[in-house]
Amino acid sequence: MGVTPERDKELARQGRLVSIVIAVSFTLWLIANAVGGPLGIPVQYAFLFDFAALGAMLWALIVALRIWRERRG
Protein backbone atom coordinates (compact mmCIF):
# COMPACT_ATOMS: atom_id res chain seq x y z
CA MET A 1 0.00 0.00 0.00
CA GLY A 2 1.71 3.15 -1.22
CA VAL A 3 1.43 6.74 -0.19
CA THR A 4 -1.22 8.72 -2.06
CA PRO A 5 -0.09 11.80 -4.01
CA GLU A 6 -1.96 14.07 -1.58
CA ARG A 7 -0.30 12.46 1.42
CA ASP A 8 3.06 12.61 -0.34
CA LYS A 9 2.64 16.38 -0.74
CA GLU A 10 1.74 16.67 2.96
CA LEU A 11 4.83 14.67 3.94
CA ALA A 12 6.98 16.88 1.71
CA ARG A 13 5.53 19.96 3.43
CA GLN A 14 6.32 18.46 6.83
CA GLY A 15 9.85 17.70 5.65
CA ARG A 16 10.34 21.31 4.61
CA LEU A 17 9.05 22.45 8.00
CA VAL A 18 11.53 20.14 9.74
CA SER A 19 14.40 21.56 7.70
CA ILE A 20 13.33 25.14 8.46
CA VAL A 21 13.10 24.41 12.20
CA ILE A 22 16.58 22.85 12.19
CA ALA A 23 18.12 25.74 10.27
CA VAL A 24 16.46 28.49 12.31
CA SER A 25 17.06 26.90 15.71
CA PHE A 26 20.73 26.22 14.93
CA THR A 27 21.23 29.75 13.59
CA LEU A 28 19.57 31.36 16.62
CA TRP A 29 21.58 29.12 18.94
CA LEU A 30 24.83 30.16 17.24
CA ILE A 31 23.91 33.84 17.43
CA ALA A 32 22.91 33.54 21.09
CA ASN A 33 26.21 31.89 21.96
CA ALA A 34 28.28 34.36 19.96
CA VAL A 35 26.53 37.44 21.36
CA GLY A 36 25.87 36.15 24.87
CA GLY A 37 29.43 36.33 26.12
CA PRO A 38 30.32 39.84 24.99
CA LEU A 39 27.00 41.23 26.21
CA GLY A 40 27.37 39.58 29.60
CA ILE A 41 24.14 37.59 29.42
CA PRO A 42 23.76 35.43 32.56
CA VAL A 43 24.52 31.72 32.32
CA GLN A 44 20.88 30.85 33.06
CA TYR A 45 19.87 32.42 29.75
CA ALA A 46 22.61 30.57 27.94
CA PHE A 47 21.16 27.30 29.26
CA LEU A 48 17.72 28.47 28.18
CA PHE A 49 18.96 28.92 24.60
CA ASP A 50 20.69 25.52 24.75
CA PHE A 51 17.56 23.73 25.97
CA ALA A 52 15.37 25.53 23.43
CA ALA A 53 17.70 24.38 20.64
CA LEU A 54 17.72 20.83 22.02
CA GLY A 55 13.93 20.85 22.17
CA ALA A 56 13.69 22.01 18.56
CA MET A 57 16.16 19.33 17.44
CA LEU A 58 14.27 16.64 19.35
CA TRP A 59 10.98 17.74 17.78
CA ALA A 60 12.59 17.72 14.32
CA LEU A 61 14.01 14.23 14.89
CA ILE A 62 10.65 12.85 16.00
CA VAL A 63 8.81 14.37 13.02
CA ALA A 64 11.51 13.22 10.59
CA LEU A 65 11.26 9.67 11.94
CA ARG A 66 7.47 9.75 11.56
CA ILE A 67 7.85 10.91 7.95
CA TRP A 68 10.41 8.19 7.25
CA ARG A 69 8.23 5.47 8.79
CA GLU A 70 5.16 6.54 6.87
CA ARG A 71 6.98 6.61 3.55
CA ARG A 72 8.40 3.15 4.18
CA GLY A 73 5.14 1.45 4.92
PDB file of N, CA and C in Angstrom:
ATOM      1  N   MET A   1       0.845  -1.179   0.000  1.00  0.00           N
ATOM      2  CA  MET A   1       0.000   0.000   0.000  1.00  0.00           C
ATOM      3  C   MET A   1       0.891   1.242   0.000  1.00  0.00           C
ATOM      4  N   GLY A   2       0.856   1.984  -1.070  1.00  0.00           N
ATOM      5  CA  GLY A   2       1.714   3.151  -1.218  1.00  0.00           C
ATOM      6  C   GLY A   2       1.093   4.408  -0.626  1.00  0.00           C
ATOM      7  N   VAL A   3       1.870   5.441  -0.674  1.00  0.00           N
ATOM      8  CA  VAL A   3       1.426   6.737  -0.188  1.00  0.00           C
ATOM      9  C   VAL A   3       0.699   7.442  -1.331  1.00  0.00           C
ATOM     10  N   THR A   4      -0.464   8.004  -1.040  1.00  0.00           N
ATOM     11  CA  THR A   4      -1.217   8.720  -2.064  1.00  0.00           C
ATOM     12  C   THR A   4      -0.489  10.020  -2.432  1.00  0.00           C
ATOM     13  N   PRO A   5      -0.754  10.544  -3.617  1.00  0.00           N
ATOM     14  CA  PRO A   5      -0.092  11.798  -4.007  1.00  0.00           C
ATOM     15  C   PRO A   5      -0.397  12.958  -3.052  1.00  0.00           C
ATOM     16  N   GLU A   6      -1.620  13.003  -2.528  1.00  0.00           N
ATOM     17  CA  GLU A   6      -1.956  14.072  -1.578  1.00  0.00           C
ATOM     18  C   GLU A   6      -1.150  13.924  -0.291  1.00  0.00           C
ATOM     19  N   ARG A   7      -1.055  12.706   0.178  1.00  0.00           N
ATOM     20  CA  ARG A   7      -0.302  12.463   1.421  1.00  0.00           C
ATOM     21  C   ARG A   7       1.188  12.700   1.189  1.00  0.00           C
ATOM     22  N   ASP A   8       1.657  12.369  -0.017  1.00  0.00           N
ATOM     23  CA  ASP A   8       3.061  12.613  -0.337  1.00  0.00           C
ATOM     24  C   ASP A   8       3.369  14.110  -0.307  1.00  0.00           C
ATOM     25  N   LYS A   9       2.452  14.930  -0.804  1.00  0.00           N
ATOM     26  CA  LYS A   9       2.637  16.383  -0.737  1.00  0.00           C
ATOM     27  C   LYS A   9       2.646  16.864   0.713  1.00  0.00           C
ATOM     28  N   GLU A  10       1.780  16.299   1.543  1.00  0.00           N
ATOM     29  CA  GLU A  10       1.741  16.668   2.960  1.00  0.00           C
ATOM     30  C   GLU A  10       3.045  16.272   3.658  1.00  0.00           C
ATOM     31  N   LEU A  11       3.558  15.103   3.347  1.00  0.00           N
ATOM     32  CA  LEU A  11       4.827  14.667   3.942  1.00  0.00           C
ATOM     33  C   LEU A  11       5.978  15.551   3.469  1.00  0.00           C
ATOM     34  N   ALA A  12       5.943  15.974   2.218  1.00  0.00           N
ATOM     35  CA  ALA A  12       6.980  16.879   1.712  1.00  0.00           C
ATOM     36  C   ALA A  12       6.907  18.218   2.432  1.00  0.00           C
ATOM     37  N   ARG A  13       5.700  18.702   2.695  1.00  0.00           N
ATOM     38  CA  ARG A  13       5.534  19.962   3.432  1.00  0.00           C
ATOM     39  C   ARG A  13       6.071  19.824   4.847  1.00  0.00           C
ATOM     40  N   GLN A  14       5.791  18.691   5.488  1.00  0.00           N
ATOM     41  CA  GLN A  14       6.324  18.456   6.834  1.00  0.00           C
ATOM     42  C   GLN A  14       7.847  18.375   6.810  1.00  0.00           C
ATOM     43  N   GLY A  15       8.391  17.771   5.780  1.00  0.00           N
ATOM     44  CA  GLY A  15       9.852  17.698   5.654  1.00  0.00           C
ATOM     45  C   GLY A  15      10.481  19.074   5.507  1.00  0.00           C
ATOM     46  N   ARG A  16       9.834  19.935   4.732  1.00  0.00           N
ATOM     47  CA  ARG A  16      10.337  21.310   4.611  1.00  0.00           C
ATOM     48  C   ARG A  16      10.261  22.036   5.942  1.00  0.00           C
ATOM     49  N   LEU A  17       9.183  21.825   6.694  1.00  0.00           N
ATOM     50  CA  LEU A  17       9.048  22.451   8.001  1.00  0.00           C
ATOM     51  C   LEU A  17      10.151  21.976   8.946  1.00  0.00           C
ATOM     52  N   VAL A  18      10.457  20.693   8.903  1.00  0.00           N
ATOM     53  CA  VAL A  18      11.531  20.143   9.736  1.00  0.00           C
ATOM     54  C   VAL A  18      12.859  20.816   9.382  1.00  0.00           C
ATOM     55  N   SER A  19      13.133  20.954   8.095  1.00  0.00           N
ATOM     56  CA  SER A  19      14.403  21.563   7.696  1.00  0.00           C
ATOM     57  C   SER A  19      14.470  23.028   8.102  1.00  0.00           C
ATOM     58  N   ILE A  20      13.355  23.743   8.032  1.00  0.00           N
ATOM     59  CA  ILE A  20      13.331  25.140   8.456  1.00  0.00           C
ATOM     60  C   ILE A  20      13.556  25.251   9.956  1.00  0.00           C
ATOM     61  N   VAL A  21      12.923  24.384  10.734  1.00  0.00           N
ATOM     62  CA  VAL A  21      13.097  24.408  12.198  1.00  0.00           C
ATOM     63  C   VAL A  21      14.546  24.127  12.562  1.00  0.00           C
ATOM     64  N   ILE A  22      15.174  23.161  11.903  1.00  0.00           N
ATOM     65  CA  ILE A  22      16.575  22.848  12.189  1.00  0.00           C
ATOM     66  C   ILE A  22      17.464  24.040  11.859  1.00  0.00           C
ATOM     67  N   ALA A  23      17.272  24.621  10.693  1.00  0.00           N
ATOM     68  CA  ALA A  23      18.120  25.742  10.268  1.00  0.00           C
ATOM     69  C   ALA A  23      17.946  26.959  11.174  1.00  0.00           C
ATOM     70  N   VAL A  24      16.713  27.306  11.482  1.00  0.00           N
ATOM     71  CA  VAL A  24      16.458  28.492  12.305  1.00  0.00           C
ATOM     72  C   VAL A  24      16.936  28.283  13.742  1.00  0.00           C
ATOM     73  N   SER A  25      16.654  27.126  14.312  1.00  0.00           N
ATOM     74  CA  SER A  25      17.062  26.898  15.706  1.00  0.00           C
ATOM     75  C   SER A  25      18.585  26.873  15.833  1.00  0.00           C
ATOM     76  N   PHE A  26      19.267  26.258  14.873  1.00  0.00           N
ATOM     77  CA  PHE A  26      20.727  26.218  14.925  1.00  0.00           C
ATOM     78  C   PHE A  26      21.317  27.606  14.749  1.00  0.00           C
ATOM     79  N   THR A  27      20.746  28.392  13.823  1.00  0.00           N
ATOM     80  CA  THR A  27      21.232  29.751  13.591  1.00  0.00           C
ATOM     81  C   THR A  27      21.029  30.627  14.822  1.00  0.00           C
ATOM     82  N   LEU A  28      19.832  30.563  15.411  1.00  0.00           N
ATOM     83  CA  LEU A  28      19.567  31.355  16.615  1.00  0.00           C
ATOM     84  C   LEU A  28      20.458  30.926  17.775  1.00  0.00           C
ATOM     85  N   TRP A  29      20.719  29.621  17.874  1.00  0.00           N
ATOM     86  CA  TRP A  29      21.585  29.122  18.944  1.00  0.00           C
ATOM     87  C   TRP A  29      23.011  29.651  18.763  1.00  0.00           C
ATOM     88  N   LEU A  30      23.494  29.629  17.513  1.00  0.00           N
ATOM     89  CA  LEU A  30      24.835  30.159  17.244  1.00  0.00           C
ATOM     90  C   LEU A  30      24.926  31.649  17.560  1.00  0.00           C
ATOM     91  N   ILE A  31      23.921  32.402  17.158  1.00  0.00           N
ATOM     92  CA  ILE A  31      23.912  33.840  17.425  1.00  0.00           C
ATOM     93  C   ILE A  31      23.862  34.100  18.925  1.00  0.00           C
ATOM     94  N   ALA A  32      23.025  33.352  19.645  1.00  0.00           N
ATOM     95  CA  ALA A  32      22.909  33.542  21.092  1.00  0.00           C
ATOM     96  C   ALA A  32      24.227  33.246  21.795  1.00  0.00           C
ATOM     97  N   ASN A  33      24.928  32.223  21.347  1.00  0.00           N
ATOM     98  CA  ASN A  33      26.215  31.893  21.964  1.00  0.00           C
ATOM     99  C   ASN A  33      27.301  32.902  21.603  1.00  0.00           C
ATOM    100  N   ALA A  34      27.264  33.403  20.379  1.00  0.00           N
ATOM    101  CA  ALA A  34      28.275  34.364  19.960  1.00  0.00           C
ATOM    102  C   ALA A  34      28.071  35.722  20.629  1.00  0.00           C
ATOM    103  N   VAL A  35      26.835  36.119  20.816  1.00  0.00           N
ATOM    104  CA  VAL A  35      26.530  37.441  21.358  1.00  0.00           C
ATOM    105  C   VAL A  35      26.428  37.406  22.887  1.00  0.00           C
ATOM    106  N   GLY A  36      26.092  36.255  23.434  1.00  0.00           N
ATOM    107  CA  GLY A  36      25.866  36.153  24.874  1.00  0.00           C
ATOM    108  C   GLY A  36      27.065  36.513  25.722  1.00  0.00           C
ATOM    109  N   GLY A  37      28.222  36.047  25.356  1.00  0.00           N
ATOM    110  CA  GLY A  37      29.433  36.327  26.122  1.00  0.00           C
ATOM    111  C   GLY A  37      29.804  37.801  26.160  1.00  0.00           C
ATOM    112  N   PRO A  38      29.952  38.415  24.997  1.00  0.00           N
ATOM    113  CA  PRO A  38      30.320  39.837  24.991  1.00  0.00           C
ATOM    114  C   PRO A  38      29.291  40.757  25.645  1.00  0.00           C
ATOM    115  N   LEU A  39      28.029  40.390  25.589  1.00  0.00           N
ATOM    116  CA  LEU A  39      26.997  41.234  26.209  1.00  0.00           C
ATOM    117  C   LEU A  39      26.833  40.951  27.700  1.00  0.00           C
ATOM    118  N   GLY A  40      27.465  39.913  28.184  1.00  0.00           N
ATOM    119  CA  GLY A  40      27.370  39.583  29.602  1.00  0.00           C
ATOM    120  C   GLY A  40      26.037  38.983  30.014  1.00  0.00           C
ATOM    121  N   ILE A  41      25.420  38.240  29.109  1.00  0.00           N
ATOM    122  CA  ILE A  41      24.141  37.592  29.420  1.00  0.00           C
ATOM    123  C   ILE A  41      24.393  36.502  30.462  1.00  0.00           C
ATOM    124  N   PRO A  42      23.555  36.429  31.508  1.00  0.00           N
ATOM    125  CA  PRO A  42      23.759  35.427  32.560  1.00  0.00           C
ATOM    126  C   PRO A  42      23.733  33.992  32.018  1.00  0.00           C
ATOM    127  N   VAL A  43      24.394  33.116  32.735  1.00  0.00           N
ATOM    128  CA  VAL A  43      24.516  31.717  32.322  1.00  0.00           C
ATOM    129  C   VAL A  43      23.152  31.042  32.244  1.00  0.00           C
ATOM    130  N   GLN A  44      22.222  31.455  33.089  1.00  0.00           N
ATOM    131  CA  GLN A  44      20.884  30.853  33.056  1.00  0.00           C
ATOM    132  C   GLN A  44      20.233  31.035  31.687  1.00  0.00           C
ATOM    133  N   TYR A  45      20.444  32.195  31.077  1.00  0.00           N
ATOM    134  CA  TYR A  45      19.869  32.423  29.752  1.00  0.00           C
ATOM    135  C   TYR A  45      20.602  31.624  28.682  1.00  0.00           C
ATOM    136  N   ALA A  46      21.869  31.411  28.881  1.00  0.00           N
ATOM    137  CA  ALA A  46      22.615  30.574  27.939  1.00  0.00           C
ATOM    138  C   ALA A  46      22.059  29.148  27.961  1.00  0.00           C
ATOM    139  N   PHE A  47      21.770  28.627  29.159  1.00  0.00           N
ATOM    140  CA  PHE A  47      21.157  27.299  29.257  1.00  0.00           C
ATOM    141  C   PHE A  47      19.767  27.284  28.647  1.00  0.00           C
ATOM    142  N   LEU A  48      19.045  28.382  28.777  1.00  0.00           N
ATOM    143  CA  LEU A  48      17.724  28.474  28.179  1.00  0.00           C
ATOM    144  C   LEU A  48      17.812  28.349  26.656  1.00  0.00           C
ATOM    145  N   PHE A  49      18.764  29.040  26.047  1.00  0.00           N
ATOM    146  CA  PHE A  49      18.957  28.917  24.600  1.00  0.00           C
ATOM    147  C   PHE A  49      19.383  27.496  24.223  1.00  0.00           C
ATOM    148  N   ASP A  50      20.256  26.891  25.029  1.00  0.00           N
ATOM    149  CA  ASP A  50      20.689  25.521  24.754  1.00  0.00           C
ATOM    150  C   ASP A  50      19.523  24.547  24.799  1.00  0.00           C
ATOM    151  N   PHE A  51      18.694  24.656  25.830  1.00  0.00           N
ATOM    152  CA  PHE A  51      17.561  23.732  25.965  1.00  0.00           C
ATOM    153  C   PHE A  51      16.499  23.985  24.903  1.00  0.00           C
ATOM    154  N   ALA A  52      16.308  25.239  24.511  1.00  0.00           N
ATOM    155  CA  ALA A  52      15.371  25.526  23.428  1.00  0.00           C
ATOM    156  C   ALA A  52      15.851  24.898  22.122  1.00  0.00           C
ATOM    157  N   ALA A  53      17.143  24.990  21.853  1.00  0.00           N
ATOM    158  CA  ALA A  53      17.697  24.383  20.640  1.00  0.00           C
ATOM    159  C   ALA A  53      17.591  22.855  20.710  1.00  0.00           C
ATOM    160  N   LEU A  54      17.863  22.288  21.871  1.00  0.00           N
ATOM    161  CA  LEU A  54      17.718  20.833  22.023  1.00  0.00           C
ATOM    162  C   LEU A  54      16.275  20.398  21.819  1.00  0.00           C
ATOM    163  N   GLY A  55      15.343  21.168  22.351  1.00  0.00           N
ATOM    164  CA  GLY A  55      13.927  20.851  22.168  1.00  0.00           C
ATOM    165  C   GLY A  55      13.518  20.902  20.707  1.00  0.00           C
ATOM    166  N   ALA A  56      14.002  21.905  19.992  1.00  0.00           N
ATOM    167  CA  ALA A  56      13.692  22.012  18.564  1.00  0.00           C
ATOM    168  C   ALA A  56      14.291  20.843  17.792  1.00  0.00           C
ATOM    169  N   MET A  57      15.515  20.461  18.130  1.00  0.00           N
ATOM    170  CA  MET A  57      16.157  19.333  17.444  1.00  0.00           C
ATOM    171  C   MET A  57      15.442  18.015  17.753  1.00  0.00           C
ATOM    172  N   LEU A  58      15.005  17.854  18.987  1.00  0.00           N
ATOM    173  CA  LEU A  58      14.266  16.643  19.352  1.00  0.00           C
ATOM    174  C   LEU A  58      12.953  16.576  18.592  1.00  0.00           C
ATOM    175  N   TRP A  59      12.236  17.705  18.524  1.00  0.00           N
ATOM    176  CA  TRP A  59      10.981  17.744  17.779  1.00  0.00           C
ATOM    177  C   TRP A  59      11.236  17.393  16.310  1.00  0.00           C
ATOM    178  N   ALA A  60      12.274  17.971  15.728  1.00  0.00           N
ATOM    179  CA  ALA A  60      12.594  17.720  14.321  1.00  0.00           C
ATOM    180  C   ALA A  60      12.938  16.249  14.092  1.00  0.00           C
ATOM    181  N   LEU A  61      13.669  15.653  15.022  1.00  0.00           N
ATOM    182  CA  LEU A  61      14.011  14.232  14.892  1.00  0.00           C
ATOM    183  C   LEU A  61      12.764  13.357  14.945  1.00  0.00           C
ATOM    184  N   ILE A  62      11.867  13.644  15.864  1.00  0.00           N
ATOM    185  CA  ILE A  62      10.646  12.850  15.996  1.00  0.00           C
ATOM    186  C   ILE A  62       9.787  12.965  14.738  1.00  0.00           C
ATOM    187  N   VAL A  63       9.612  14.178  14.231  1.00  0.00           N
ATOM    188  CA  VAL A  63       8.805  14.365  13.020  1.00  0.00           C
ATOM    189  C   VAL A  63       9.483  13.718  11.817  1.00  0.00           C
ATOM    190  N   ALA A  64      10.796  13.845  11.707  1.00  0.00           N
ATOM    191  CA  ALA A  64      11.515  13.218  10.591  1.00  0.00           C
ATOM    192  C   ALA A  64      11.381  11.695  10.637  1.00  0.00           C
ATOM    193  N   LEU A  65      11.441  11.122  11.826  1.00  0.00           N
ATOM    194  CA  LEU A  65      11.258   9.671  11.938  1.00  0.00           C
ATOM    195  C   LEU A  65       9.838   9.251  11.571  1.00  0.00           C
ATOM    196  N   ARG A  66       8.853  10.050  11.942  1.00  0.00           N
ATOM    197  CA  ARG A  66       7.469   9.750  11.560  1.00  0.00           C
ATOM    198  C   ARG A  66       7.301   9.802  10.049  1.00  0.00           C
ATOM    199  N   ILE A  67       7.914  10.803   9.408  1.00  0.00           N
ATOM    200  CA  ILE A  67       7.848  10.907   7.949  1.00  0.00           C
ATOM    201  C   ILE A  67       8.509   9.694   7.304  1.00  0.00           C
ATOM    202  N   TRP A  68       9.671   9.345   7.797  1.00  0.00           N
ATOM    203  CA  TRP A  68      10.410   8.194   7.248  1.00  0.00           C
ATOM    204  C   TRP A  68       9.607   6.907   7.387  1.00  0.00           C
ATOM    205  N   ARG A  69       9.017   6.693   8.565  1.00  0.00           N
ATOM    206  CA  ARG A  69       8.235   5.473   8.793  1.00  0.00           C
ATOM    207  C   ARG A  69       7.016   5.414   7.897  1.00  0.00           C
ATOM    208  N   GLU A  70       6.355   6.549   7.719  1.00  0.00           N
ATOM    209  CA  GLU A  70       5.159   6.544   6.874  1.00  0.00           C
ATOM    210  C   GLU A  70       5.500   6.295   5.411  1.00  0.00           C
ATOM    211  N   ARG A  71       6.601   6.838   4.954  1.00  0.00           N
ATOM    212  CA  ARG A  71       6.977   6.614   3.554  1.00  0.00           C
ATOM    213  C   ARG A  71       7.436   5.177   3.307  1.00  0.00           C
ATOM    214  N   ARG A  72       7.961   4.543   4.341  1.00  0.00           N
ATOM    215  CA  ARG A  72       8.403   3.154   4.179  1.00  0.00           C
ATOM    216  C   ARG A  72       7.242   2.198   4.079  1.00  0.00           C
ATOM    217  N   GLY A  73       6.199   2.454   4.853  1.00  0.00           N
ATOM    218  CA  GLY A  73       5.139   1.455   4.917  1.00  0.00           C
ATOM    219  C   GLY A  73       3.822   2.015   4.602  1.00  0.00           C
TER     220      GLY A  73
END
